[in-house]
Protein backbone atom coordinates (compact mmCIF):
# COMPACT_ATOMS: atom_id res chain seq x y z
CA UNK A 1 -42.73 37.84 25.56
CA UNK A 2 -41.27 36.03 22.55
CA UNK A 3 -41.53 32.28 21.78
CA UNK A 4 -39.53 30.02 19.45
CA UNK A 5 -40.45 30.12 15.80
CA UNK A 6 -40.86 27.00 13.73
CA UNK A 7 -37.63 27.74 11.86
CA UNK A 8 -35.67 28.06 15.13
CA UNK A 9 -37.12 24.77 16.35
CA UNK A 10 -36.22 23.02 13.07
CA UNK A 11 -32.65 24.36 13.22
CA UNK A 12 -32.30 23.18 16.84
CA UNK A 13 -33.61 19.70 15.93
CA UNK A 14 -31.24 19.52 12.95
CA UNK A 15 -28.23 20.39 15.11
CA UNK A 16 -29.33 17.83 17.71
CA UNK A 17 -29.83 15.18 15.01
CA UNK A 18 -26.34 15.77 13.61
CA UNK A 19 -24.85 15.45 17.11
CA UNK A 20 -26.73 12.20 17.81
CA UNK A 21 -25.80 10.68 14.43
CA UNK A 22 -22.17 11.60 15.06
CA UNK A 23 -22.22 9.70 18.34
CA UNK A 24 -23.96 6.70 16.80
CA UNK A 25 -21.29 6.39 14.12
CA UNK A 26 -18.78 5.33 16.81
CA UNK A 27 -20.73 2.22 17.86
CA UNK A 28 -19.36 -0.11 15.12
CA UNK A 29 -15.82 0.72 16.25
CA UNK A 30 -16.76 -0.33 19.77
CA UNK A 31 -18.02 -3.71 18.54
CA UNK A 32 -14.88 -4.18 16.46
CA UNK A 33 -12.66 -3.40 19.44
CA UNK A 34 -14.61 -5.76 21.68
CA UNK A 35 -14.29 -8.58 19.14
CA UNK A 36 -10.54 -7.95 18.76
CA UNK A 37 -10.11 -8.11 22.55
CA UNK A 38 -12.16 -11.31 22.72
CA UNK A 39 -9.98 -12.98 20.10
CA UNK A 40 -6.79 -11.84 21.85
CA UNK A 41 -8.03 -13.30 25.15
CA UNK A 42 -8.76 -16.59 23.34
CA UNK A 43 -5.22 -16.53 21.89
CA UNK A 44 -3.70 -16.14 25.36
CA UNK A 45 -5.88 -18.97 26.66
CA UNK A 46 -4.84 -21.31 23.82
CA UNK A 47 -1.21 -20.31 24.40
CA UNK A 48 -1.46 -21.08 28.12
CA UNK A 49 -2.88 -24.54 27.38
CA UNK A 50 0.03 -25.39 25.06
CA UNK A 51 2.51 -23.79 27.46
CA UNK A 52 1.29 -26.04 30.28
CA UNK A 53 1.77 -29.08 28.03
CA UNK A 54 5.26 -27.90 27.16
CA UNK A 55 6.18 -27.23 30.80
CA UNK A 56 4.80 -30.60 31.93
CA UNK A 57 6.76 -32.42 29.21
CA UNK A 58 9.98 -30.65 30.18
CA UNK A 59 9.47 -31.08 33.95
CA UNK A 60 8.69 -34.79 33.57
CA UNK A 61 11.69 -35.29 31.28
CA UNK A 62 9.53 -36.74 28.51
CA UNK A 63 10.54 -34.87 25.35
CA UNK A 64 8.42 -37.22 23.23
CA UNK A 65 5.19 -35.59 24.41
CA UNK A 66 6.32 -32.03 23.67
CA UNK A 67 3.54 -30.26 21.78
CA UNK A 68 4.29 -29.46 18.16
CA UNK A 69 3.15 -26.58 15.98
CA UNK A 70 -0.56 -26.81 15.26
CA UNK A 71 -3.69 -24.78 14.62
CA UNK A 72 -6.73 -24.16 16.80
CA UNK A 73 -10.07 -22.71 15.67
CA UNK A 74 -11.08 -19.22 16.73
CA UNK A 75 -14.47 -19.04 18.41
CA UNK A 76 -16.15 -16.01 16.84
CA UNK A 77 -18.82 -15.83 19.51
CA UNK A 78 -21.66 -13.53 18.48
CA UNK A 79 -21.12 -12.60 14.82
CA UNK A 80 -22.41 -9.29 13.59
CA UNK A 81 -24.01 -8.64 10.23
CA UNK A 82 -22.10 -6.48 7.78
CA UNK A 83 -24.41 -4.91 5.19
CA UNK A 84 -26.94 -7.67 5.79
CA UNK A 85 -24.34 -10.40 5.23
CA UNK A 86 -22.99 -12.51 8.12
CA UNK A 87 -19.35 -11.85 9.00
CA UNK A 88 -16.75 -14.17 7.46
CA UNK A 89 -15.48 -17.19 9.35
CA UNK A 90 -12.99 -16.06 12.00
CA UNK A 91 -10.20 -18.44 10.97
CA UNK A 92 -7.66 -20.26 13.12
CA UNK A 93 -4.85 -19.61 15.55
CA UNK A 94 -1.42 -20.84 14.50
CA UNK A 95 0.30 -22.18 17.61
CA UNK A 96 4.11 -22.41 17.63
CA UNK A 97 5.80 -23.77 20.78
CA UNK A 98 9.56 -23.14 21.18
CA UNK A 99 10.40 -26.55 22.73
CA UNK A 100 11.81 -24.97 25.98
CA UNK A 101 15.29 -23.49 25.80
CA UNK A 102 17.87 -23.87 28.57
CA UNK A 103 18.44 -20.48 30.19
CA UNK A 104 20.51 -21.37 33.25
CA UNK A 105 22.04 -24.31 35.05
CA UNK A 106 20.89 -23.81 38.64
CA UNK A 107 23.04 -26.56 40.11
CA UNK A 108 24.39 -30.01 39.50
CA UNK A 109 21.03 -31.64 38.93
CA UNK A 110 18.67 -28.77 38.03
CA UNK A 111 18.38 -26.60 34.94
CA UNK A 112 16.05 -23.68 34.33
CA UNK A 113 14.23 -23.67 31.00
CA UNK A 114 12.43 -20.83 29.29
CA UNK A 115 9.29 -22.12 27.61
CA UNK A 116 7.29 -19.93 25.23
CA UNK A 117 4.38 -20.38 22.86
CA UNK A 118 3.60 -17.89 20.08
CA UNK A 119 0.06 -17.67 18.77
CA UNK A 120 -0.67 -15.80 15.55
CA UNK A 121 -3.86 -15.12 13.59
CA UNK A 122 -5.15 -12.91 10.82
CA UNK A 123 -7.98 -10.50 11.46
CA UNK A 124 -9.18 -7.68 9.20
CA UNK A 125 -6.30 -8.34 6.76
CA UNK A 126 -3.70 -7.81 9.49
CA UNK A 127 -1.58 -10.44 11.20
CA UNK A 128 -1.60 -10.38 15.00
CA UNK A 129 0.46 -12.43 17.43
CA UNK A 130 0.89 -12.91 21.15
CA UNK A 131 3.60 -14.82 23.01
CA UNK A 132 3.04 -16.57 26.35
CA UNK A 133 6.21 -17.38 28.29
CA UNK A 134 7.07 -19.21 31.49
CA UNK A 135 10.03 -20.85 33.22
CA UNK A 136 10.39 -24.37 34.54
CA UNK A 137 13.09 -26.00 36.64
CA UNK A 138 13.78 -29.60 35.73
CA UNK A 139 16.35 -32.29 36.37
């Protein structure tokens, strides 16, 4: 009966260590993806808030309260350390409403408007944007 030698055991542990370290190297990408998704969800939420203001203004016929282009801060949530240094400030969303465009006259007294809000931000030296759109019927 033959048992493992010390050299065989060391080789097996080395192969196992390389496999485990390979799997651990993927974890930072998971955190980065989760943070990107979190920021995109925040962008949609900010866009929906401004879209509701835009729709309400159009439906009530009060064009004076239409939201204008603005910025909103990004909530970074839990920030992760990068080489022992806290991550940079997350920045701001740039919110650009389109002021509701007439898409169709649905009758003598009703028109259908397409309202959209575009939210853009910079993350990891790349510009991202998302557009939230809705329709409103108004007199």
